[in-house]
Each structure stands twice: as structure tokens, then as C-alpha cells.
Amino acid sequence: MKGRIAGASTVTVTRNEILYSLNKPEDFILAIVEFTGDDTHRVHYLRQPFQREPDFGVTSVNYDFSELLGRAQAPH
């Protein structure tokens, strides 16, 4: 789960999170909580969020927040 304020530009994801999602794609859902202000929020789910493994030595990767939200779905 990653949380960000609405309008944030990036989300940081660890190498281990990316590797787990690639190794167990049917078990991994990236939950993104978008905080919209005044104690309100929206939850988004993204299945298979990552396409490739990070380079060796990379500890985390910044992803475009709006791009991830664009591919996500509301919980159901």
C-alpha cells in the first residue's frame, strides 16, 4: 500500500515490492490511497503494476503518480 496526497507527482516503490509483484503477479495488488484533504481519501487497486525488474543495485524506483492512478481501478 502506498499513500500520497492528491496531486503528488511520484510514488516510490522498493525493489523488493517490484520483485515480489513480478514473481507472484496473481497474488500482488498495489493499493494506492489518494488523500484528497479534510480526512477524505480514495482507494485505487492496480494489478500487475510493473513490467520489468529494476537494474541491479537499485533500491527503489519513483513512478509517476498520475500514470499509476490512470491504470488503477476502484475497489469492488
C-alpha atoms as a PDB file:
ATOM      1  CA  MET A   1       0.000   0.000   0.000  1.00  0.00           C
ATOM      2  CA  LYS A   2       1.227   3.441  -0.904  1.00  0.00           C
ATOM      3  CA  GLY A   3      -0.364   6.684   0.230  1.00  0.00           C
ATOM      4  CA  ARG A   4       0.006  10.099  -1.368  1.00  0.00           C
ATOM      5  CA  ILE A   5      -1.742  13.442  -1.248  1.00  0.00           C
ATOM      6  CA  ALA A   6      -3.791  14.204  -4.353  1.00  0.00           C
ATOM      7  CA  GLY A   7      -1.626  15.997  -6.897  1.00  0.00           C
ATOM      8  CA  ALA A   8       1.644  14.383  -5.797  1.00  0.00           C
ATOM      9  CA  SER A   9       3.980  13.799  -8.698  1.00  0.00           C
ATOM     10  CA  THR A  10       5.609  10.474  -7.770  1.00  0.00           C
ATOM     11  CA  VAL A  11       5.247   7.294  -5.746  1.00  0.00           C
ATOM     12  CA  THR A  12       8.365   5.498  -4.515  1.00  0.00           C
ATOM     13  CA  VAL A  13       8.313   1.707  -4.706  1.00  0.00           C
ATOM     14  CA  THR A  14      11.051  -0.514  -3.274  1.00  0.00           C
ATOM     15  CA  ARG A  15      12.977  -3.048  -5.304  1.00  0.00           C
ATOM     16  CA  ASN A  16      11.555  -5.849  -3.137  1.00  0.00           C
ATOM     17  CA  GLU A  17       7.977  -4.729  -3.838  1.00  0.00           C
ATOM     18  CA  ILE A  18       8.647  -4.733  -7.579  1.00  0.00           C
ATOM     19  CA  LEU A  19      10.334  -8.151  -7.493  1.00  0.00           C
ATOM     20  CA  TYR A  20       7.504  -9.665  -5.464  1.00  0.00           C
ATOM     21  CA  SER A  21       4.918  -8.296  -7.898  1.00  0.00           C
ATOM     22  CA  LEU A  22       6.800  -9.803 -10.843  1.00  0.00           C
ATOM     23  CA  ASN A  23       7.340 -13.183  -9.177  1.00  0.00           C
ATOM     24  CA  LYS A  24       3.748 -13.532  -7.894  1.00  0.00           C
ATOM     25  CA  PRO A  25       1.629 -11.427 -10.270  1.00  0.00           C
ATOM     26  CA  GLU A  26      -1.605 -13.229  -9.365  1.00  0.00           C
ATOM     27  CA  ASP A  27      -1.029 -12.529  -5.649  1.00  0.00           C
ATOM     28  CA  PHE A  28       0.095  -8.895  -5.824  1.00  0.00           C
ATOM     29  CA  ILE A  29      -2.178  -5.856  -5.923  1.00  0.00           C
ATOM     30  CA  LEU A  30      -0.712  -2.398  -5.457  1.00  0.00           C
ATOM     31  CA  ALA A  31      -3.131  -0.462  -3.265  1.00  0.00           C
ATOM     32  CA  ILE A  32      -2.828   3.301  -3.669  1.00  0.00           C
ATOM     33  CA  VAL A  33      -4.556   5.609  -1.213  1.00  0.00           C
ATOM     34  CA  GLU A  34      -5.061   9.116  -2.564  1.00  0.00           C
ATOM     35  CA  PHE A  35      -5.587  11.593   0.263  1.00  0.00           C
ATOM     36  CA  THR A  36      -7.861  14.329  -1.034  1.00  0.00           C
ATOM     37  CA  GLY A  37      -7.915  16.567   2.052  1.00  0.00           C
ATOM     38  CA  ASP A  38     -10.018  17.111   5.167  1.00  0.00           C
ATOM     39  CA  ASP A  39      -9.850  13.439   6.245  1.00  0.00           C
ATOM     40  CA  THR A  40     -11.124  12.144   2.885  1.00  0.00           C
ATOM     41  CA  HIS A  41      -9.417   9.658   0.616  1.00  0.00           C
ATOM     42  CA  ARG A  42      -9.880   7.388  -2.387  1.00  0.00           C
ATOM     43  CA  VAL A  43      -8.513   3.858  -2.676  1.00  0.00           C
ATOM     44  CA  HIS A  44      -7.268   2.513  -6.016  1.00  0.00           C
ATOM     45  CA  TYR A  45      -6.114  -1.027  -6.846  1.00  0.00           C
ATOM     46  CA  LEU A  46      -3.604  -1.799  -9.557  1.00  0.00           C
ATOM     47  CA  ARG A  47      -2.931  -5.368 -10.688  1.00  0.00           C
ATOM     48  CA  GLN A  48       0.376  -6.148 -12.407  1.00  0.00           C
ATOM     49  CA  PRO A  49       1.671  -2.598 -11.914  1.00  0.00           C
ATOM     50  CA  PHE A  50       5.281  -3.218 -13.021  1.00  0.00           C
ATOM     51  CA  GLN A  51       6.609  -4.568 -16.316  1.00  0.00           C
ATOM     52  CA  ARG A  52      10.269  -5.267 -15.580  1.00  0.00           C
ATOM     53  CA  GLU A  53      12.811  -5.821 -12.856  1.00  0.00           C
ATOM     54  CA  PRO A  54      14.863  -2.819 -11.696  1.00  0.00           C
ATOM     55  CA  ASP A  55      18.554  -2.733 -12.583  1.00  0.00           C
ATOM     56  CA  PHE A  56      20.980  -4.395 -10.194  1.00  0.00           C
ATOM     57  CA  GLY A  57      21.878  -2.074  -7.313  1.00  0.00           C
ATOM     58  CA  VAL A  58      18.631  -0.092  -7.482  1.00  0.00           C
ATOM     59  CA  THR A  59      16.937   0.081  -4.083  1.00  0.00           C
ATOM     60  CA  SER A  60      13.780   1.957  -5.103  1.00  0.00           C
ATOM     61  CA  VAL A  61      12.077   3.457  -8.143  1.00  0.00           C
ATOM     62  CA  ASN A  62       9.908   6.566  -8.482  1.00  0.00           C
ATOM     63  CA  TYR A  63       6.781   6.095 -10.581  1.00  0.00           C
ATOM     64  CA  ASP A  64       4.538   8.800 -11.977  1.00  0.00           C
ATOM     65  CA  PHE A  65       1.577   9.004  -9.569  1.00  0.00           C
ATOM     66  CA  SER A  66      -0.978  10.101 -12.169  1.00  0.00           C
ATOM     67  CA  GLU A  67       0.096   7.336 -14.583  1.00  0.00           C
ATOM     68  CA  LEU A  68      -0.400   4.662 -11.895  1.00  0.00           C
ATOM     69  CA  LEU A  69      -3.806   6.112 -10.980  1.00  0.00           C
ATOM     70  CA  GLY A  70      -4.767   6.106 -14.654  1.00  0.00           C
ATOM     71  CA  ARG A  71      -4.251   2.344 -14.800  1.00  0.00           C
ATOM     72  CA  ALA A  72      -5.850   1.596 -11.425  1.00  0.00           C
ATOM     73  CA  GLN A  73      -9.393   0.541 -10.536  1.00  0.00           C
ATOM     74  CA  ALA A  74     -11.661   1.361  -7.626  1.00  0.00           C
ATOM     75  CA  PRO A  75     -12.039  -1.466  -5.091  1.00  0.00           C
ATOM     76  CA  HIS A  76     -15.001  -3.758  -5.588  1.00  0.00           C
END
